[in-house]
């Protein structure tokens, strides 16, 4: 849901900026690489030290590159398989840095092995959720389900509530330090549900495809 409506809104907002970059000779791949580098740097430089607010600010500034590079490619009138591959691959790198940085905090000064485990689960399940769709499509299935918590939802929930938790640590605002654990639990449970939804969908579509192939083979056999 967020993926559908948020992308439409930010595409309109960021189109002039994307056009400006194109006029300056910047390519979509350059934006993808710089954006990912910024997210990784922000996550791994700030989150392991508990600097959630400033880490989230830096990450948010760079995470919009995921929308800008695609916008630039559309304005250029061409989208390449390489660009799609690079974007998808570096998305996984960025996600790994965000949840990896949080896991490092809880494994270190955050001193909470339960939340460290939950964060690692968020990281692993997010990667697997993306893989199930990619692998299903690679074997010729539609994987016609989005699921409860996709990448956009995972990032929005985590970054927004991580930023709020940062207010407590950075500015001493009381009573909101608990929002980050809630975010991680929500993302973990939502990712698990999404994974199950996609696995069930792939199983159903695979069974239907196999049955259709079998009927076709039987039909050809009877004609022969």
N, C-alpha and C. Protein backbone atom coordinates (compact mmCIF):
# COMPACT_ATOMS: atom_id res chain seq x y z
N UNK A 1 0.82 -1.20 0.00
CA UNK A 1 0.00 0.00 0.00
C UNK A 1 0.87 1.26 0.00
N UNK A 2 1.81 1.32 0.93
CA UNK A 2 2.73 2.45 0.96
C UNK A 2 3.50 2.55 -0.34
N UNK A 3 3.89 1.38 -0.85
CA UNK A 3 4.66 1.36 -2.08
C UNK A 3 3.89 2.00 -3.23
N UNK A 4 2.58 1.77 -3.27
CA UNK A 4 1.74 2.27 -4.36
C UNK A 4 1.51 3.77 -4.26
N UNK A 5 1.04 4.23 -3.11
CA UNK A 5 0.64 5.63 -2.99
C UNK A 5 1.83 6.55 -2.71
N UNK A 6 2.77 6.11 -1.88
CA UNK A 6 3.92 6.96 -1.57
C UNK A 6 4.77 7.18 -2.81
N UNK A 7 4.97 6.14 -3.61
CA UNK A 7 5.78 6.30 -4.81
C UNK A 7 5.15 7.29 -5.79
N UNK A 8 3.82 7.22 -5.92
CA UNK A 8 3.14 8.14 -6.84
C UNK A 8 3.33 9.59 -6.39
N UNK A 9 3.21 9.82 -5.08
CA UNK A 9 3.36 11.17 -4.54
C UNK A 9 4.78 11.69 -4.73
N UNK A 10 5.76 10.89 -4.29
CA UNK A 10 7.15 11.36 -4.34
C UNK A 10 7.68 11.42 -5.77
N UNK A 11 7.12 10.63 -6.66
CA UNK A 11 7.53 10.72 -8.06
C UNK A 11 7.21 12.11 -8.61
N UNK A 12 6.01 12.62 -8.29
CA UNK A 12 5.65 13.96 -8.74
C UNK A 12 6.55 15.02 -8.11
N UNK A 13 6.85 14.85 -6.83
CA UNK A 13 7.66 15.83 -6.12
C UNK A 13 9.09 15.85 -6.63
N UNK A 14 9.64 14.66 -6.90
CA UNK A 14 11.06 14.56 -7.24
C UNK A 14 11.37 14.68 -8.73
N UNK A 15 10.34 14.72 -9.57
CA UNK A 15 10.57 14.79 -11.02
C UNK A 15 11.41 16.00 -11.43
N UNK A 16 11.15 17.21 -10.92
CA UNK A 16 12.01 18.34 -11.30
C UNK A 16 13.47 18.15 -10.90
N UNK A 17 13.70 17.57 -9.72
CA UNK A 17 15.07 17.35 -9.27
C UNK A 17 15.76 16.31 -10.15
N UNK A 18 15.02 15.26 -10.52
CA UNK A 18 15.59 14.25 -11.41
C UNK A 18 15.96 14.86 -12.76
N UNK A 19 15.11 15.75 -13.28
CA UNK A 19 15.40 16.41 -14.55
C UNK A 19 16.64 17.30 -14.43
N UNK A 20 16.80 17.96 -13.29
CA UNK A 20 17.98 18.80 -13.04
C UNK A 20 19.25 17.97 -13.07
N UNK A 21 19.24 16.80 -12.42
CA UNK A 21 20.42 15.94 -12.41
C UNK A 21 20.78 15.47 -13.81
N UNK A 22 19.76 15.15 -14.60
CA UNK A 22 20.02 14.71 -15.98
C UNK A 22 20.68 15.83 -16.78
N UNK A 23 20.22 17.05 -16.58
CA UNK A 23 20.82 18.18 -17.31
C UNK A 23 22.28 18.38 -16.91
N UNK A 24 22.63 17.98 -15.69
CA UNK A 24 24.00 18.12 -15.21
C UNK A 24 24.88 16.92 -15.58
N UNK A 25 24.31 15.98 -16.33
CA UNK A 25 25.10 14.85 -16.78
C UNK A 25 25.18 13.70 -15.80
N UNK A 26 24.36 13.72 -14.76
CA UNK A 26 24.35 12.63 -13.78
C UNK A 26 23.53 11.48 -14.33
N UNK A 27 23.99 10.25 -14.16
CA UNK A 27 23.28 9.07 -14.66
C UNK A 27 22.50 8.40 -13.53
N UNK A 28 21.46 7.62 -13.87
CA UNK A 28 20.71 6.90 -12.83
C UNK A 28 21.59 5.96 -12.01
N UNK A 29 22.56 5.30 -12.66
CA UNK A 29 23.43 4.40 -11.91
C UNK A 29 24.27 5.15 -10.88
N UNK A 30 24.70 6.34 -11.21
CA UNK A 30 25.46 7.14 -10.26
C UNK A 30 24.61 7.48 -9.04
N UNK A 31 23.35 7.82 -9.27
CA UNK A 31 22.45 8.13 -8.16
C UNK A 31 22.22 6.89 -7.29
N UNK A 32 22.06 5.74 -7.92
CA UNK A 32 21.87 4.49 -7.18
C UNK A 32 23.06 4.20 -6.28
N UNK A 33 24.26 4.34 -6.82
CA UNK A 33 25.47 4.04 -6.06
C UNK A 33 25.68 5.03 -4.91
N UNK A 34 25.50 6.31 -5.19
CA UNK A 34 25.68 7.33 -4.15
C UNK A 34 24.62 7.17 -3.07
N UNK A 35 23.39 6.92 -3.47
CA UNK A 35 22.32 6.73 -2.49
C UNK A 35 22.57 5.56 -1.57
N UNK A 36 23.00 4.45 -2.13
CA UNK A 36 23.28 3.27 -1.30
C UNK A 36 24.45 3.53 -0.37
N UNK A 37 25.50 4.17 -0.88
CA UNK A 37 26.66 4.50 -0.05
C UNK A 37 26.25 5.39 1.12
N UNK A 38 25.36 6.35 0.88
CA UNK A 38 24.90 7.23 1.93
C UNK A 38 24.10 6.51 2.99
N UNK A 39 23.21 5.62 2.57
CA UNK A 39 22.42 4.84 3.52
C UNK A 39 23.32 3.95 4.37
N UNK A 40 24.25 3.26 3.72
CA UNK A 40 25.17 2.38 4.45
C UNK A 40 26.01 3.17 5.45
N UNK A 41 26.54 4.30 5.00
CA UNK A 41 27.36 5.13 5.89
C UNK A 41 26.55 5.65 7.07
N UNK A 42 25.35 6.13 6.80
CA UNK A 42 24.50 6.65 7.88
C UNK A 42 24.13 5.58 8.89
N UNK A 43 23.79 4.40 8.38
CA UNK A 43 23.37 3.32 9.28
C UNK A 43 24.52 2.80 10.13
N UNK A 44 25.66 2.56 9.51
CA UNK A 44 26.77 1.94 10.23
C UNK A 44 27.60 2.93 11.04
N UNK A 45 27.52 4.22 10.71
CA UNK A 45 28.25 5.21 11.48
C UNK A 45 27.48 5.66 12.72
N UNK A 46 26.15 5.68 12.64
CA UNK A 46 25.35 6.23 13.74
C UNK A 46 24.62 5.18 14.58
N UNK A 47 23.97 4.21 13.93
CA UNK A 47 23.14 3.27 14.68
C UNK A 47 23.90 2.44 15.71
N UNK A 48 25.08 1.90 15.40
CA UNK A 48 25.78 1.10 16.42
C UNK A 48 26.16 1.91 17.66
N UNK A 49 26.20 3.24 17.56
CA UNK A 49 26.52 4.10 18.69
C UNK A 49 25.27 4.63 19.40
N UNK A 50 24.10 4.20 18.92
CA UNK A 50 22.86 4.65 19.53
C UNK A 50 22.41 6.02 19.08
N UNK A 51 23.02 6.57 18.02
CA UNK A 51 22.64 7.87 17.50
C UNK A 51 21.52 7.69 16.47
N UNK A 52 20.35 7.34 16.99
CA UNK A 52 19.25 6.97 16.10
C UNK A 52 18.66 8.16 15.34
N UNK A 53 18.61 9.31 15.98
CA UNK A 53 17.99 10.46 15.33
C UNK A 53 18.83 10.92 14.13
N UNK A 54 20.11 11.19 14.35
CA UNK A 54 20.94 11.69 13.26
C UNK A 54 21.19 10.62 12.21
N UNK A 55 21.27 9.37 12.64
CA UNK A 55 21.40 8.29 11.67
C UNK A 55 20.20 8.22 10.75
N UNK A 56 19.00 8.38 11.32
CA UNK A 56 17.79 8.35 10.52
C UNK A 56 17.71 9.54 9.58
N UNK A 57 18.15 10.71 10.04
CA UNK A 57 18.16 11.90 9.17
C UNK A 57 19.04 11.65 7.95
N UNK A 58 20.26 11.14 8.18
CA UNK A 58 21.18 10.87 7.07
C UNK A 58 20.61 9.82 6.13
N UNK A 59 20.10 8.74 6.68
CA UNK A 59 19.54 7.66 5.85
C UNK A 59 18.38 8.17 5.02
N UNK A 60 17.49 8.94 5.63
CA UNK A 60 16.32 9.45 4.91
C UNK A 60 16.72 10.33 3.74
N UNK A 61 17.76 11.14 3.92
CA UNK A 61 18.22 12.01 2.83
C UNK A 61 18.66 11.19 1.61
N UNK A 62 19.25 10.04 1.87
CA UNK A 62 19.78 9.23 0.76
C UNK A 62 18.80 8.18 0.25
N UNK A 63 17.82 7.81 1.06
CA UNK A 63 16.94 6.71 0.67
C UNK A 63 16.05 7.11 -0.51
N UNK A 64 15.86 8.42 -0.73
CA UNK A 64 15.04 8.86 -1.85
C UNK A 64 15.72 8.61 -3.20
N UNK A 65 16.99 8.26 -3.17
CA UNK A 65 17.67 7.92 -4.43
C UNK A 65 16.99 6.76 -5.13
N UNK A 66 16.32 5.91 -4.34
CA UNK A 66 15.62 4.75 -4.90
C UNK A 66 14.48 5.19 -5.82
N UNK A 67 13.94 6.37 -5.56
CA UNK A 67 12.88 6.91 -6.42
C UNK A 67 13.46 7.78 -7.54
N UNK A 68 14.55 8.47 -7.23
CA UNK A 68 15.11 9.42 -8.20
C UNK A 68 15.71 8.69 -9.39
N UNK A 69 16.45 7.59 -9.14
CA UNK A 69 17.11 6.91 -10.27
C UNK A 69 16.10 6.35 -11.27
N UNK A 70 15.01 5.78 -10.75
CA UNK A 70 13.98 5.27 -11.66
C UNK A 70 13.30 6.39 -12.42
N UNK A 71 13.06 7.50 -11.74
CA UNK A 71 12.47 8.67 -12.39
C UNK A 71 13.36 9.16 -13.52
N UNK A 72 14.66 9.20 -13.25
CA UNK A 72 15.61 9.65 -14.27
C UNK A 72 15.59 8.73 -15.48
N UNK A 73 15.55 7.42 -15.22
CA UNK A 73 15.54 6.45 -16.33
C UNK A 73 14.29 6.62 -17.19
N UNK A 74 13.15 6.88 -16.55
CA UNK A 74 11.92 7.08 -17.31
C UNK A 74 11.98 8.36 -18.13
N UNK A 75 12.56 9.41 -17.56
CA UNK A 75 12.68 10.66 -18.31
C UNK A 75 13.61 10.51 -19.50
N UNK A 76 14.61 9.64 -19.36
CA UNK A 76 15.52 9.39 -20.46
C UNK A 76 14.88 8.50 -21.54
N UNK A 77 13.75 7.89 -21.19
CA UNK A 77 13.05 7.04 -22.14
C UNK A 77 13.65 5.67 -22.30
N UNK A 78 14.43 5.26 -21.32
CA UNK A 78 15.02 3.93 -21.40
C UNK A 78 15.24 3.37 -20.00
N UNK A 79 14.95 2.11 -19.87
CA UNK A 79 15.24 1.40 -18.62
C UNK A 79 15.96 0.11 -18.99
N UNK A 80 17.06 -0.16 -18.34
CA UNK A 80 17.89 -1.29 -18.72
C UNK A 80 17.77 -2.43 -17.71
N UNK A 81 18.05 -3.63 -18.17
CA UNK A 81 18.08 -4.78 -17.26
C UNK A 81 19.19 -4.58 -16.22
N UNK A 82 20.30 -4.01 -16.66
CA UNK A 82 21.41 -3.77 -15.73
C UNK A 82 20.97 -2.80 -14.62
N UNK A 83 20.28 -1.73 -15.00
CA UNK A 83 19.84 -0.76 -14.01
C UNK A 83 18.89 -1.39 -12.99
N UNK A 84 17.97 -2.22 -13.49
CA UNK A 84 17.04 -2.90 -12.58
C UNK A 84 17.77 -3.86 -11.65
N UNK A 85 18.76 -4.57 -12.20
CA UNK A 85 19.54 -5.50 -11.39
C UNK A 85 20.34 -4.76 -10.33
N UNK A 86 21.00 -3.67 -10.75
CA UNK A 86 21.82 -2.90 -9.81
C UNK A 86 20.96 -2.32 -8.69
N UNK A 87 19.83 -1.77 -9.04
CA UNK A 87 18.94 -1.15 -8.06
C UNK A 87 18.46 -2.18 -7.04
N UNK A 88 18.02 -3.32 -7.54
CA UNK A 88 17.50 -4.36 -6.65
C UNK A 88 18.59 -4.91 -5.74
N UNK A 89 19.78 -5.12 -6.30
CA UNK A 89 20.88 -5.67 -5.51
C UNK A 89 21.31 -4.70 -4.41
N UNK A 90 21.45 -3.43 -4.76
CA UNK A 90 21.89 -2.45 -3.77
C UNK A 90 20.81 -2.14 -2.73
N UNK A 91 19.54 -2.36 -3.07
CA UNK A 91 18.48 -2.25 -2.07
C UNK A 91 18.73 -3.24 -0.92
N UNK A 92 19.17 -4.46 -1.29
CA UNK A 92 19.44 -5.47 -0.27
C UNK A 92 20.62 -5.05 0.60
N UNK A 93 21.62 -4.42 -0.02
CA UNK A 93 22.78 -3.94 0.73
C UNK A 93 22.36 -2.87 1.72
N UNK A 94 21.54 -1.93 1.27
CA UNK A 94 21.07 -0.84 2.14
C UNK A 94 20.25 -1.38 3.31
N UNK A 95 19.34 -2.31 3.03
CA UNK A 95 18.53 -2.91 4.09
C UNK A 95 19.42 -3.62 5.11
N UNK A 96 20.41 -4.33 4.60
CA UNK A 96 21.33 -5.04 5.49
C UNK A 96 22.07 -4.09 6.41
N UNK A 97 22.45 -2.91 5.89
CA UNK A 97 23.17 -1.94 6.71
C UNK A 97 22.26 -1.37 7.80
N UNK A 98 21.01 -1.06 7.47
CA UNK A 98 20.08 -0.49 8.44
C UNK A 98 19.84 -1.45 9.61
N UNK A 99 19.44 -2.67 9.29
CA UNK A 99 19.14 -3.62 10.36
C UNK A 99 20.43 -4.15 11.00
N UNK A 100 21.50 -4.22 10.22
CA UNK A 100 22.77 -4.64 10.79
C UNK A 100 23.27 -3.63 11.81
N UNK A 101 23.12 -2.33 11.51
CA UNK A 101 23.54 -1.30 12.45
C UNK A 101 22.75 -1.36 13.74
N UNK A 102 21.45 -1.60 13.65
CA UNK A 102 20.62 -1.72 14.85
C UNK A 102 20.98 -2.97 15.65
N UNK A 103 21.26 -4.06 14.94
CA UNK A 103 21.66 -5.30 15.63
C UNK A 103 22.97 -5.08 16.38
N UNK A 104 23.90 -4.33 15.78
CA UNK A 104 25.17 -4.04 16.45
C UNK A 104 24.95 -3.24 17.74
N UNK A 105 23.99 -2.33 17.71
CA UNK A 105 23.69 -1.55 18.92
C UNK A 105 23.18 -2.46 20.04
N UNK A 106 22.23 -3.32 19.71
CA UNK A 106 21.65 -4.18 20.74
C UNK A 106 22.62 -5.27 21.20
N UNK A 107 23.55 -5.65 20.32
CA UNK A 107 24.57 -6.62 20.72
C UNK A 107 25.66 -5.98 21.56
N UNK A 108 25.78 -4.64 21.48
CA UNK A 108 26.81 -3.91 22.22
C UNK A 108 26.25 -3.11 23.37
N UNK A 109 26.29 -1.78 23.23
CA UNK A 109 25.87 -0.92 24.32
C UNK A 109 24.37 -0.99 24.60
N UNK A 110 23.58 -1.37 23.60
CA UNK A 110 22.14 -1.53 23.83
C UNK A 110 21.83 -2.67 24.76
N UNK A 111 22.73 -3.66 24.81
CA UNK A 111 22.68 -4.76 25.77
C UNK A 111 21.31 -5.42 25.86
N UNK A 112 20.81 -5.88 24.71
CA UNK A 112 19.53 -6.58 24.70
C UNK A 112 19.59 -7.65 23.61
N UNK A 113 19.92 -8.87 24.02
CA UNK A 113 20.11 -9.95 23.05
C UNK A 113 18.81 -10.37 22.39
N UNK A 114 17.69 -10.19 23.11
CA UNK A 114 16.39 -10.53 22.50
C UNK A 114 16.11 -9.61 21.32
N UNK A 115 16.28 -8.30 21.53
CA UNK A 115 16.04 -7.35 20.44
C UNK A 115 17.11 -7.47 19.35
N UNK A 116 18.31 -7.87 19.73
CA UNK A 116 19.34 -8.14 18.72
C UNK A 116 18.88 -9.28 17.81
N UNK A 117 18.32 -10.34 18.41
CA UNK A 117 17.83 -11.47 17.64
C UNK A 117 16.65 -11.07 16.76
N UNK A 118 15.75 -10.25 17.30
CA UNK A 118 14.59 -9.78 16.53
C UNK A 118 15.06 -8.95 15.33
N UNK A 119 16.06 -8.11 15.55
CA UNK A 119 16.59 -7.27 14.47
C UNK A 119 17.24 -8.12 13.38
N UNK A 120 17.98 -9.13 13.79
CA UNK A 120 18.59 -10.04 12.82
C UNK A 120 17.52 -10.78 12.04
N UNK A 121 16.43 -11.14 12.73
CA UNK A 121 15.32 -11.80 12.04
C UNK A 121 14.70 -10.85 11.01
N UNK A 122 14.55 -9.57 11.37
CA UNK A 122 14.04 -8.58 10.42
C UNK A 122 14.92 -8.52 9.18
N UNK A 123 16.22 -8.53 9.40
CA UNK A 123 17.18 -8.49 8.30
C UNK A 123 17.04 -9.72 7.41
N UNK A 124 17.08 -10.89 8.03
CA UNK A 124 17.04 -12.14 7.26
C UNK A 124 15.70 -12.33 6.55
N UNK A 125 14.61 -12.09 7.26
CA UNK A 125 13.28 -12.31 6.67
C UNK A 125 13.02 -11.33 5.53
N UNK A 126 13.51 -10.09 5.67
CA UNK A 126 13.35 -9.13 4.58
C UNK A 126 14.06 -9.59 3.32
N UNK A 127 15.26 -10.13 3.48
CA UNK A 127 16.00 -10.63 2.33
C UNK A 127 15.28 -11.81 1.69
N UNK A 128 14.74 -12.71 2.53
CA UNK A 128 14.07 -13.90 2.00
C UNK A 128 12.75 -13.53 1.32
N UNK A 129 12.04 -12.54 1.88
CA UNK A 129 10.79 -12.09 1.26
C UNK A 129 11.06 -11.61 -0.16
N UNK A 130 12.12 -10.83 -0.33
CA UNK A 130 12.48 -10.35 -1.67
C UNK A 130 12.89 -11.52 -2.57
N UNK A 131 13.61 -12.48 -2.00
CA UNK A 131 14.09 -13.61 -2.78
C UNK A 131 12.94 -14.47 -3.29
N UNK A 132 11.91 -14.68 -2.44
CA UNK A 132 10.80 -15.55 -2.86
C UNK A 132 10.12 -15.00 -4.11
N UNK A 133 9.94 -13.69 -4.15
CA UNK A 133 9.30 -13.10 -5.34
C UNK A 133 10.21 -13.21 -6.56
N UNK A 134 11.48 -12.89 -6.37
CA UNK A 134 12.42 -12.95 -7.49
C UNK A 134 12.56 -14.38 -8.02
N UNK A 135 12.66 -15.33 -7.10
CA UNK A 135 12.82 -16.72 -7.51
C UNK A 135 11.56 -17.26 -8.17
N UNK A 136 10.40 -16.88 -7.63
CA UNK A 136 9.14 -17.31 -8.24
C UNK A 136 9.00 -16.79 -9.65
N UNK A 137 9.34 -15.51 -9.84
CA UNK A 137 9.26 -14.93 -11.18
C UNK A 137 10.29 -15.57 -12.11
N UNK A 138 11.43 -15.97 -11.57
CA UNK A 138 12.48 -16.59 -12.39
C UNK A 138 12.04 -17.94 -12.95
N UNK A 139 11.15 -18.63 -12.25
CA UNK A 139 10.66 -19.93 -12.75
C UNK A 139 9.34 -19.78 -13.50
N UNK A 140 9.01 -18.54 -13.85
CA UNK A 140 7.87 -18.30 -14.72
C UNK A 140 6.54 -18.08 -14.04
N UNK A 141 6.53 -17.80 -12.74
CA UNK A 141 5.29 -17.56 -12.02
C UNK A 141 5.06 -16.06 -11.83
N UNK A 142 3.82 -15.67 -11.64
CA UNK A 142 3.49 -14.26 -11.47
C UNK A 142 3.75 -13.77 -10.04
N UNK A 143 3.61 -14.67 -9.07
CA UNK A 143 3.70 -14.32 -7.65
C UNK A 143 2.78 -13.12 -7.39
N UNK A 144 1.51 -13.34 -7.68
CA UNK A 144 0.51 -12.27 -7.65
C UNK A 144 0.03 -11.98 -6.24
N UNK A 145 0.95 -11.54 -5.40
CA UNK A 145 0.60 -11.10 -4.05
C UNK A 145 1.70 -10.14 -3.59
N UNK A 146 1.31 -9.06 -2.94
CA UNK A 146 2.29 -8.12 -2.42
C UNK A 146 2.69 -8.47 -1.00
N UNK A 147 1.72 -8.85 -0.20
CA UNK A 147 2.02 -9.21 1.17
C UNK A 147 1.80 -8.04 2.12
N UNK A 148 1.78 -8.35 3.39
CA UNK A 148 1.45 -7.37 4.42
C UNK A 148 2.53 -6.30 4.57
N UNK A 149 3.80 -6.73 4.63
CA UNK A 149 4.90 -5.79 4.88
C UNK A 149 5.97 -5.99 3.81
N UNK A 150 5.99 -5.08 2.84
CA UNK A 150 7.02 -5.11 1.80
C UNK A 150 8.19 -4.22 2.21
N UNK A 151 9.13 -4.03 1.29
CA UNK A 151 10.33 -3.26 1.64
C UNK A 151 9.98 -1.83 2.07
N UNK A 152 9.07 -1.18 1.35
CA UNK A 152 8.71 0.19 1.70
C UNK A 152 8.16 0.27 3.12
N UNK A 153 7.26 -0.65 3.45
CA UNK A 153 6.69 -0.65 4.81
C UNK A 153 7.77 -0.92 5.85
N UNK A 154 8.66 -1.85 5.55
CA UNK A 154 9.73 -2.17 6.52
C UNK A 154 10.57 -0.93 6.81
N UNK A 155 10.95 -0.21 5.76
CA UNK A 155 11.80 0.95 5.94
C UNK A 155 11.07 2.09 6.65
N UNK A 156 9.83 2.36 6.23
CA UNK A 156 9.09 3.47 6.82
C UNK A 156 8.86 3.23 8.31
N UNK A 157 8.37 2.04 8.66
CA UNK A 157 8.11 1.74 10.07
C UNK A 157 9.39 1.85 10.88
N UNK A 158 10.46 1.24 10.39
CA UNK A 158 11.72 1.21 11.14
C UNK A 158 12.33 2.60 11.26
N UNK A 159 12.42 3.33 10.15
CA UNK A 159 13.09 4.63 10.18
C UNK A 159 12.30 5.67 10.97
N UNK A 160 10.98 5.70 10.79
CA UNK A 160 10.17 6.69 11.50
C UNK A 160 10.26 6.48 13.01
N UNK A 161 10.06 5.25 13.46
CA UNK A 161 10.07 5.00 14.90
C UNK A 161 11.49 5.02 15.46
N UNK A 162 12.46 4.68 14.64
CA UNK A 162 13.86 4.80 15.06
C UNK A 162 14.20 6.28 15.27
N UNK A 163 13.70 7.13 14.38
CA UNK A 163 13.92 8.56 14.54
C UNK A 163 13.29 9.10 15.80
N UNK A 164 12.07 8.64 16.10
CA UNK A 164 11.40 9.06 17.34
C UNK A 164 12.18 8.60 18.56
N UNK A 165 12.67 7.37 18.50
CA UNK A 165 13.48 6.88 19.63
C UNK A 165 14.73 7.73 19.79
N UNK A 166 15.24 8.24 18.68
CA UNK A 166 16.42 9.09 18.74
C UNK A 166 16.18 10.40 19.46
N UNK A 167 14.93 10.88 19.44
CA UNK A 167 14.61 12.09 20.20
C UNK A 167 14.90 11.90 21.68
N UNK A 168 14.62 10.69 22.16
CA UNK A 168 14.84 10.39 23.58
C UNK A 168 16.33 10.45 23.90
N UNK A 169 17.15 9.83 23.06
CA UNK A 169 18.57 9.75 23.35
C UNK A 169 19.29 11.06 23.04
N UNK A 170 18.88 11.76 21.99
CA UNK A 170 19.61 12.96 21.57
C UNK A 170 19.14 14.22 22.29
N UNK A 171 17.82 14.35 22.48
CA UNK A 171 17.27 15.58 23.05
C UNK A 171 16.65 15.39 24.42
N UNK A 172 16.70 14.15 24.93
CA UNK A 172 16.18 13.90 26.27
C UNK A 172 14.68 13.94 26.38
N UNK A 173 13.96 13.76 25.26
CA UNK A 173 12.50 13.73 25.30
C UNK A 173 12.06 12.44 25.97
N UNK A 174 11.34 12.51 27.07
CA UNK A 174 10.99 11.30 27.83
C UNK A 174 9.83 10.53 27.21
N UNK A 175 9.78 9.24 27.54
CA UNK A 175 8.59 8.43 27.27
C UNK A 175 8.47 7.83 25.89
N UNK A 176 9.48 8.01 25.00
CA UNK A 176 9.33 7.46 23.65
C UNK A 176 10.44 6.49 23.29
N UNK A 177 11.27 6.11 24.25
CA UNK A 177 12.38 5.22 23.93
C UNK A 177 11.91 3.81 23.57
N UNK A 178 10.66 3.51 23.92
CA UNK A 178 10.14 2.15 23.69
C UNK A 178 9.62 1.94 22.27
N UNK A 179 9.56 3.01 21.44
CA UNK A 179 8.94 2.87 20.12
C UNK A 179 9.79 2.04 19.17
N UNK A 180 11.11 2.06 19.32
CA UNK A 180 11.96 1.27 18.42
C UNK A 180 11.76 -0.23 18.61
N UNK A 181 11.75 -0.75 19.85
CA UNK A 181 11.43 -2.17 20.00
C UNK A 181 10.09 -2.55 19.39
N UNK A 182 9.08 -1.68 19.54
CA UNK A 182 7.78 -1.96 18.94
C UNK A 182 7.91 -2.05 17.42
N UNK A 183 8.66 -1.12 16.83
CA UNK A 183 8.86 -1.13 15.38
C UNK A 183 9.49 -2.43 14.92
N UNK A 184 10.50 -2.88 15.64
CA UNK A 184 11.21 -4.10 15.23
C UNK A 184 10.31 -5.33 15.35
N UNK A 185 9.53 -5.39 16.41
CA UNK A 185 8.61 -6.52 16.55
C UNK A 185 7.54 -6.50 15.46
N UNK A 186 7.02 -5.32 15.14
CA UNK A 186 6.01 -5.20 14.08
C UNK A 186 6.59 -5.63 12.74
N UNK A 187 7.80 -5.16 12.44
CA UNK A 187 8.44 -5.53 11.17
C UNK A 187 8.73 -7.03 11.13
N UNK A 188 9.17 -7.60 12.25
CA UNK A 188 9.48 -9.03 12.29
C UNK A 188 8.24 -9.87 12.04
N UNK A 189 7.16 -9.56 12.75
CA UNK A 189 5.92 -10.32 12.58
C UNK A 189 5.34 -10.09 11.19
N UNK A 190 5.34 -8.83 10.73
CA UNK A 190 4.81 -8.53 9.40
C UNK A 190 5.60 -9.21 8.30
N UNK A 191 6.92 -9.26 8.45
CA UNK A 191 7.76 -9.92 7.45
C UNK A 191 7.50 -11.43 7.42
N UNK A 192 7.29 -12.01 8.60
CA UNK A 192 6.97 -13.44 8.66
C UNK A 192 5.66 -13.74 7.96
N UNK A 193 4.64 -12.90 8.21
CA UNK A 193 3.35 -13.09 7.55
C UNK A 193 3.48 -12.93 6.05
N UNK A 194 4.25 -11.92 5.62
CA UNK A 194 4.45 -11.69 4.19
C UNK A 194 5.17 -12.87 3.54
N UNK A 195 6.16 -13.40 4.24
CA UNK A 195 6.89 -14.57 3.72
C UNK A 195 5.94 -15.75 3.53
N UNK A 196 5.10 -15.99 4.52
CA UNK A 196 4.13 -17.09 4.42
C UNK A 196 3.17 -16.85 3.26
N UNK A 197 2.69 -15.61 3.12
CA UNK A 197 1.78 -15.28 2.02
C UNK A 197 2.42 -15.58 0.67
N UNK A 198 3.68 -15.20 0.52
CA UNK A 198 4.34 -15.40 -0.77
C UNK A 198 4.63 -16.87 -1.03
N UNK A 199 5.04 -17.60 0.00
CA UNK A 199 5.31 -19.04 -0.18
C UNK A 199 4.02 -19.76 -0.57
N UNK A 200 2.93 -19.44 0.10
CA UNK A 200 1.65 -20.06 -0.22
C UNK A 200 1.22 -19.72 -1.65
N UNK A 201 1.43 -18.47 -2.04
CA UNK A 201 1.07 -18.06 -3.40
C UNK A 201 1.91 -18.78 -4.44
N UNK A 202 3.22 -18.88 -4.21
CA UNK A 202 4.10 -19.59 -5.14
C UNK A 202 3.70 -21.06 -5.24
N UNK A 203 3.38 -21.67 -4.10
CA UNK A 203 2.98 -23.09 -4.11
C UNK A 203 1.71 -23.28 -4.94
N UNK A 204 0.73 -22.37 -4.76
CA UNK A 204 -0.52 -22.48 -5.52
C UNK A 204 -0.28 -22.26 -7.00
N UNK A 205 0.46 -21.21 -7.34
CA UNK A 205 0.72 -20.92 -8.75
C UNK A 205 1.54 -22.02 -9.41
N UNK A 206 2.49 -22.59 -8.67
CA UNK A 206 3.31 -23.68 -9.22
C UNK A 206 2.44 -24.90 -9.49
N UNK A 207 1.53 -25.22 -8.55
CA UNK A 207 0.63 -26.36 -8.74
C UNK A 207 -0.28 -26.15 -9.95
N UNK A 208 -0.77 -24.91 -10.10
CA UNK A 208 -1.64 -24.62 -11.25
C UNK A 208 -0.85 -24.71 -12.56
N UNK A 209 0.37 -24.21 -12.57
CA UNK A 209 1.19 -24.27 -13.78
C UNK A 209 1.54 -25.71 -14.14
N UNK A 210 1.88 -26.52 -13.12
CA UNK A 210 2.20 -27.92 -13.37
C UNK A 210 0.99 -28.68 -13.90
N UNK A 211 -0.19 -28.38 -13.33
CA UNK A 211 -1.41 -29.04 -13.78
C UNK A 211 -1.74 -28.65 -15.21
N UNK A 212 -1.54 -27.38 -15.56
CA UNK A 212 -1.80 -26.93 -16.93
C UNK A 212 -0.85 -27.61 -17.92
N UNK A 213 0.42 -27.73 -17.53
CA UNK A 213 1.38 -28.41 -18.40
C UNK A 213 1.03 -29.88 -18.56
N UNK A 214 0.56 -30.49 -17.47
CA UNK A 214 0.17 -31.90 -17.56
C UNK A 214 -1.02 -32.09 -18.49
N UNK A 215 -2.02 -31.21 -18.37
CA UNK A 215 -3.19 -31.31 -19.25
C UNK A 215 -2.80 -31.11 -20.71
N UNK A 216 -1.88 -30.17 -20.93
CA UNK A 216 -1.42 -29.93 -22.30
C UNK A 216 -0.68 -31.12 -22.85
N UNK A 217 0.16 -31.74 -21.99
CA UNK A 217 0.90 -32.92 -22.44
C UNK A 217 -0.04 -34.08 -22.74
N UNK A 218 -1.05 -34.28 -21.91
CA UNK A 218 -2.02 -35.34 -22.13
C UNK A 218 -2.81 -35.09 -23.41
N UNK A 219 -3.16 -33.80 -23.63
CA UNK A 219 -3.89 -33.45 -24.84
C UNK A 219 -3.10 -33.73 -26.09
N UNK A 220 -1.83 -33.39 -26.07
CA UNK A 220 -0.97 -33.67 -27.23
C UNK A 220 -0.81 -35.17 -27.43
N UNK A 221 -0.73 -35.89 -26.30
CA UNK A 221 -0.56 -37.34 -26.40
C UNK A 221 -1.76 -38.02 -27.00
N UNK A 222 -2.95 -37.55 -26.64
CA UNK A 222 -4.18 -38.17 -27.16
C UNK A 222 -4.36 -37.87 -28.64
N UNK A 223 -3.90 -36.67 -29.06
CA UNK A 223 -3.99 -36.33 -30.50
C UNK A 223 -3.04 -37.17 -31.32
N UNK A 224 -1.87 -37.49 -30.73
CA UNK A 224 -0.92 -38.31 -31.45
C UNK A 224 -1.45 -39.72 -31.63
